[in-house]
Amino acid sequence: MRPLPDTEAIVGRIRYLMAQTGMSQAAFAKRLSIDPSNLSKHLSGRLAVSDTLVNRIVADMGVSKRWLRDGHGLPYDPNPTPREISSSTCRLLPPGAEGTPVYDIDVTAGCAELSSMFTVDRVIGTMRVPHLDSRSAIVGVRGDSMEPVIADGGAIAIRRISDRSVIYWGQIYVVVLDDYRMVKSLRRHEDPAMVILRSANPDYDDIEVARADIRALYLVESILRDAPSPLTARL
């Protein structure tokens, strides 16, 4: 793990993130799935900050790598959008091959919690998608509520968010409620106990839901454009 220059400044920005999110060192370490004692060593300067740690914070906290590593720009993209992956990087590989697993799951159908559906028997292959978190999954989407951002019958890469109290406003999520699973952009509500679910398609009205009614959230990390026919045929 290559240490980065100007570690002290990066540590300062990590502390800023902890303060902004109200997380203790233990909670922040849990969010990153790292040992709390190692995080303490990073923050105290006894352990150098590596690019691996920076990448994990960027993936799990949704912050700008340019800001965290180099101090340039803003911590968060003011208009966050998932990365778009072109068809040239979307070759479907056999199950078991190295890459992100592709599941025979439509995330907008049904209301079951998705984590129970990510089973080996539902894997139809893998895809090598640059910069995806190792805990991501590729799934299908039906419906036109998010067009033109996400096409009906398209595919997305998603990652479960363990702490639903931290929402990146304006970002697209798979939202799991008691009766529905939806792909929507989350917007801030004037009532902090509520959130607004917004479609990209202007023909759909906003939906207001209580934060307490959200059973699970999955961040949409990437949108697969023109996914290859073997993938879309299964999804």
Protein backbone atom coordinates (compact mmCIF):
# COMPACT_ATOMS: atom_id res chain seq x y z
CA MET A 1 0.00 0.00 0.00
CA ARG A 2 1.77 3.13 -1.24
CA PRO A 3 1.67 6.00 1.29
CA LEU A 4 0.46 9.33 -0.04
CA PRO A 5 2.24 12.69 0.29
CA ASP A 6 0.80 15.39 2.55
CA THR A 7 -0.76 12.80 4.86
CA GLU A 8 -1.41 15.41 7.55
CA ALA A 9 -3.70 17.39 5.24
CA ILE A 10 -5.59 14.24 4.20
CA VAL A 11 -6.08 13.33 7.87
CA GLY A 12 -7.52 16.80 8.41
CA ARG A 13 -10.03 16.22 5.63
CA ILE A 14 -10.94 12.80 7.08
CA ARG A 15 -11.59 14.46 10.44
CA TYR A 16 -13.72 17.04 8.63
CA LEU A 17 -15.84 14.24 7.14
CA MET A 18 -16.29 12.65 10.56
CA ALA A 19 -17.38 15.98 12.02
CA GLN A 20 -19.80 16.70 9.17
CA THR A 21 -21.45 13.28 9.44
CA GLY A 22 -21.41 13.23 13.24
CA MET A 23 -19.58 9.89 13.27
CA SER A 24 -17.27 8.74 16.02
CA GLN A 25 -14.00 7.03 15.10
CA ALA A 26 -15.62 3.67 15.83
CA ALA A 27 -18.66 4.43 13.65
CA PHE A 28 -16.48 5.76 10.83
CA ALA A 29 -14.28 2.65 10.93
CA LYS A 30 -17.37 0.44 10.88
CA ARG A 31 -18.70 2.34 7.88
CA LEU A 32 -15.41 1.67 6.05
CA SER A 33 -15.21 -1.95 7.26
CA ILE A 34 -11.72 -1.39 8.69
CA ASP A 35 -10.20 -2.07 12.09
CA PRO A 36 -10.89 0.87 14.47
CA SER A 37 -7.36 0.65 15.86
CA ASN A 38 -5.93 1.08 12.34
CA LEU A 39 -8.11 4.13 11.77
CA SER A 40 -6.86 5.58 15.04
CA LYS A 41 -3.27 5.05 13.87
CA HIS A 42 -4.01 6.81 10.58
CA LEU A 43 -5.56 9.77 12.38
CA SER A 44 -2.68 10.05 14.84
CA GLY A 45 -0.04 9.84 12.12
CA ARG A 46 1.41 6.53 13.35
CA LEU A 47 0.19 4.82 10.16
CA ALA A 48 0.53 6.50 6.78
CA VAL A 49 -2.58 7.15 4.69
CA SER A 50 -2.51 4.95 1.60
CA ASP A 51 -4.31 5.21 -1.73
CA THR A 52 -6.24 2.09 -0.69
CA LEU A 53 -7.69 3.90 2.32
CA VAL A 54 -8.52 6.97 0.22
CA ASN A 55 -10.33 4.81 -2.35
CA ARG A 56 -12.35 3.09 0.38
CA ILE A 57 -13.43 6.44 1.86
CA VAL A 58 -14.34 7.74 -1.60
CA ALA A 59 -16.44 4.63 -2.32
CA ASP A 60 -18.16 4.41 1.06
CA MET A 61 -18.68 8.12 1.78
CA GLY A 62 -19.38 9.33 -1.75
CA VAL A 63 -16.79 12.11 -1.60
CA SER A 64 -14.56 13.50 -4.33
CA LYS A 65 -11.21 11.70 -4.56
CA ARG A 66 -9.64 14.86 -5.94
CA TRP A 67 -10.77 16.73 -2.81
CA LEU A 68 -9.81 14.03 -0.31
CA ARG A 69 -6.40 13.22 -1.77
CA ASP A 70 -5.30 16.61 -3.13
CA GLY A 71 -7.54 19.19 -1.46
CA HIS A 72 -8.97 20.50 -4.76
CA GLY A 73 -12.64 21.24 -5.38
CA LEU A 74 -15.52 20.36 -3.07
CA PRO A 75 -15.99 17.30 -0.83
CA TYR A 76 -19.20 16.33 -2.60
CA ASP A 77 -20.24 16.72 -6.20
CA PRO A 78 -23.09 19.30 -6.10
CA ASN A 79 -24.89 17.34 -8.84
CA PRO A 80 -23.94 13.72 -8.13
CA THR A 81 -24.71 11.21 -10.84
CA PRO A 82 -23.71 7.57 -11.28
CA ARG A 83 -20.95 6.79 -13.72
CA GLU A 84 -22.11 5.73 -17.17
CA ILE A 85 -20.45 2.62 -18.54
CA SER A 86 -20.42 2.15 -22.32
CA SER A 87 -21.12 -1.13 -24.10
CA SER A 88 -17.42 -1.51 -24.93
CA THR A 89 -16.75 -2.39 -21.27
CA CYS A 90 -19.88 -4.48 -20.75
CA ARG A 91 -18.87 -7.94 -21.92
CA LEU A 92 -20.77 -10.60 -20.00
CA LEU A 93 -18.40 -13.28 -18.71
CA PRO A 94 -19.31 -16.76 -17.42
CA PRO A 95 -20.25 -17.18 -13.73
CA GLY A 96 -17.17 -17.53 -11.59
CA ALA A 97 -14.99 -15.33 -13.78
CA GLU A 98 -13.27 -12.37 -12.13
CA GLY A 99 -15.54 -9.32 -12.05
CA THR A 100 -18.73 -7.90 -10.58
CA PRO A 101 -21.52 -10.48 -10.30
CA VAL A 102 -24.55 -10.02 -12.56
CA TYR A 103 -27.86 -11.19 -11.06
CA ASP A 104 -31.05 -12.30 -12.74
CA ILE A 105 -32.96 -9.75 -10.65
CA ASP A 106 -35.24 -6.86 -11.57
CA VAL A 107 -34.84 -4.39 -8.70
CA THR A 108 -38.17 -2.68 -9.42
CA ALA A 109 -40.24 -5.89 -9.21
CA GLY A 110 -41.57 -7.07 -5.84
CA CYS A 111 -40.91 -5.83 -2.34
CA ALA A 112 -38.54 -8.43 -0.86
CA GLU A 113 -35.32 -7.10 0.65
CA LEU A 114 -32.70 -7.48 -2.07
CA SER A 115 -29.93 -8.86 0.13
CA SER A 116 -31.86 -12.13 0.50
CA MET A 117 -32.00 -12.44 -3.31
CA PHE A 118 -28.27 -12.13 -3.98
CA THR A 119 -27.71 -15.90 -4.07
CA VAL A 120 -25.34 -17.97 -6.19
CA ASP A 121 -28.16 -19.57 -8.16
CA ARG A 122 -29.23 -16.13 -9.44
CA VAL A 123 -25.81 -15.19 -10.82
CA ILE A 124 -25.88 -15.28 -14.63
CA GLY A 125 -22.31 -14.09 -15.13
CA THR A 126 -19.83 -11.38 -14.23
CA MET A 127 -18.70 -8.12 -15.79
CA ARG A 128 -15.42 -6.29 -15.43
CA VAL A 129 -16.49 -2.73 -14.70
CA PRO A 130 -13.75 -0.21 -13.79
CA HIS A 131 -13.76 1.38 -10.32
CA LEU A 132 -16.72 -0.61 -8.95
CA ASP A 133 -16.70 -1.41 -5.25
CA SER A 134 -16.07 -5.11 -4.52
CA ARG A 135 -19.46 -5.30 -2.77
CA SER A 136 -21.41 -4.12 -5.81
CA ALA A 137 -23.91 -6.13 -7.86
CA ILE A 138 -25.28 -5.63 -11.37
CA VAL A 139 -29.06 -5.93 -11.72
CA GLY A 140 -31.84 -5.03 -14.15
CA VAL A 141 -34.37 -2.19 -14.08
CA ARG A 142 -37.86 -2.11 -15.60
CA GLY A 143 -40.09 0.92 -16.09
CA ASP A 144 -39.69 4.38 -17.59
CA SER A 145 -39.84 6.56 -14.47
CA MET A 146 -36.09 7.26 -14.60
CA GLU A 147 -35.82 7.79 -18.35
CA PRO A 148 -33.79 9.23 -19.98
CA VAL A 149 -31.23 8.68 -17.20
CA ILE A 150 -31.94 4.94 -16.85
CA ALA A 151 -33.69 3.19 -19.74
CA ASP A 152 -36.52 0.69 -19.36
CA GLY A 153 -34.86 -2.72 -19.48
CA GLY A 154 -31.46 -1.29 -18.63
CA ALA A 155 -28.91 -2.43 -16.09
CA ILE A 156 -27.29 -0.72 -13.10
CA ALA A 157 -24.55 -1.46 -10.59
CA ILE A 158 -25.68 -1.03 -6.99
CA ARG A 159 -24.16 -1.23 -3.52
CA ARG A 160 -26.02 -1.54 -0.23
CA ILE A 161 -25.73 1.40 2.17
CA SER A 162 -25.39 0.12 5.72
CA ASP A 163 -26.07 3.47 7.41
CA ARG A 164 -29.35 4.87 6.09
CA SER A 165 -28.97 8.02 8.21
CA VAL A 166 -26.38 9.34 5.72
CA ILE A 167 -28.04 10.22 2.40
CA TYR A 168 -26.29 11.94 -0.49
CA TRP A 169 -29.06 14.24 -1.68
CA GLY A 170 -29.60 14.19 -5.41
CA GLN A 171 -27.99 10.78 -5.84
CA ILE A 172 -29.95 7.84 -7.30
CA TYR A 173 -30.83 4.90 -5.07
CA VAL A 174 -32.80 1.69 -5.10
CA VAL A 175 -35.30 2.34 -2.30
CA VAL A 176 -36.89 -0.68 -0.59
CA LEU A 177 -40.21 -0.04 1.15
CA ASP A 178 -42.70 -2.50 2.65
CA ASP A 179 -44.72 -2.74 -0.56
CA TYR A 180 -42.38 -1.52 -3.31
CA ARG A 181 -38.84 -1.38 -4.63
CA MET A 182 -38.12 1.75 -6.66
CA VAL A 183 -35.19 3.44 -8.36
CA LYS A 184 -35.38 7.15 -7.55
CA SER A 185 -33.34 10.26 -6.89
CA LEU A 186 -33.50 11.19 -3.20
CA ARG A 187 -34.21 14.83 -2.37
CA ARG A 188 -34.21 16.67 0.94
CA HIS A 189 -37.63 17.29 2.53
CA GLU A 190 -38.40 20.30 4.75
CA ASP A 191 -39.35 17.75 7.43
CA PRO A 192 -36.14 15.91 8.42
CA ALA A 193 -38.20 12.79 9.18
CA MET A 194 -39.28 12.61 5.53
CA VAL A 195 -37.57 12.26 2.15
CA ILE A 196 -38.68 13.01 -1.40
CA LEU A 197 -38.38 10.32 -4.07
CA ARG A 198 -38.05 11.98 -7.47
CA SER A 199 -38.24 10.47 -10.95
CA ALA A 200 -36.17 11.69 -13.88
CA ASN A 201 -39.24 11.37 -16.12
CA PRO A 202 -41.32 14.57 -15.65
CA ASP A 203 -44.55 12.59 -16.20
CA TYR A 204 -44.14 11.15 -12.69
CA ASP A 205 -44.94 13.10 -9.52
CA ASP A 206 -42.68 13.27 -6.47
CA ILE A 207 -43.33 10.74 -3.71
CA GLU A 208 -42.95 11.69 -0.05
CA VAL A 209 -42.04 8.88 2.36
CA ALA A 210 -41.00 8.70 6.00
CA ARG A 211 -37.34 7.88 6.48
CA ALA A 212 -38.41 5.29 9.04
CA ASP A 213 -40.39 3.44 6.34
CA ILE A 214 -37.30 2.81 4.22
CA ARG A 215 -36.23 -0.78 4.81
CA ALA A 216 -33.04 -0.63 2.77
CA LEU A 217 -31.09 1.68 0.45
CA TYR A 218 -28.79 0.71 -2.41
CA LEU A 219 -26.64 3.37 -4.04
CA VAL A 220 -26.69 3.31 -7.85
CA GLU A 221 -22.96 3.47 -8.61
CA SER A 222 -23.02 2.96 -12.38
CA ILE A 223 -25.49 2.89 -15.26
CA LEU A 224 -24.72 0.41 -18.02
CA ARG A 225 -25.43 1.96 -21.39
CA ASP A 226 -26.30 -0.37 -24.28
CA ALA A 227 -25.55 -3.47 -22.25
CA PRO A 228 -24.88 -6.52 -24.46
CA SER A 229 -27.87 -8.57 -25.61
CA PRO A 230 -27.11 -11.69 -23.49
CA LEU A 231 -27.37 -9.47 -20.41
CA THR A 232 -30.52 -7.56 -21.35
CA ALA A 233 -32.21 -10.72 -22.57
CA ARG A 234 -31.84 -12.30 -19.14
CA LEU A 235 -32.63 -9.14 -17.18
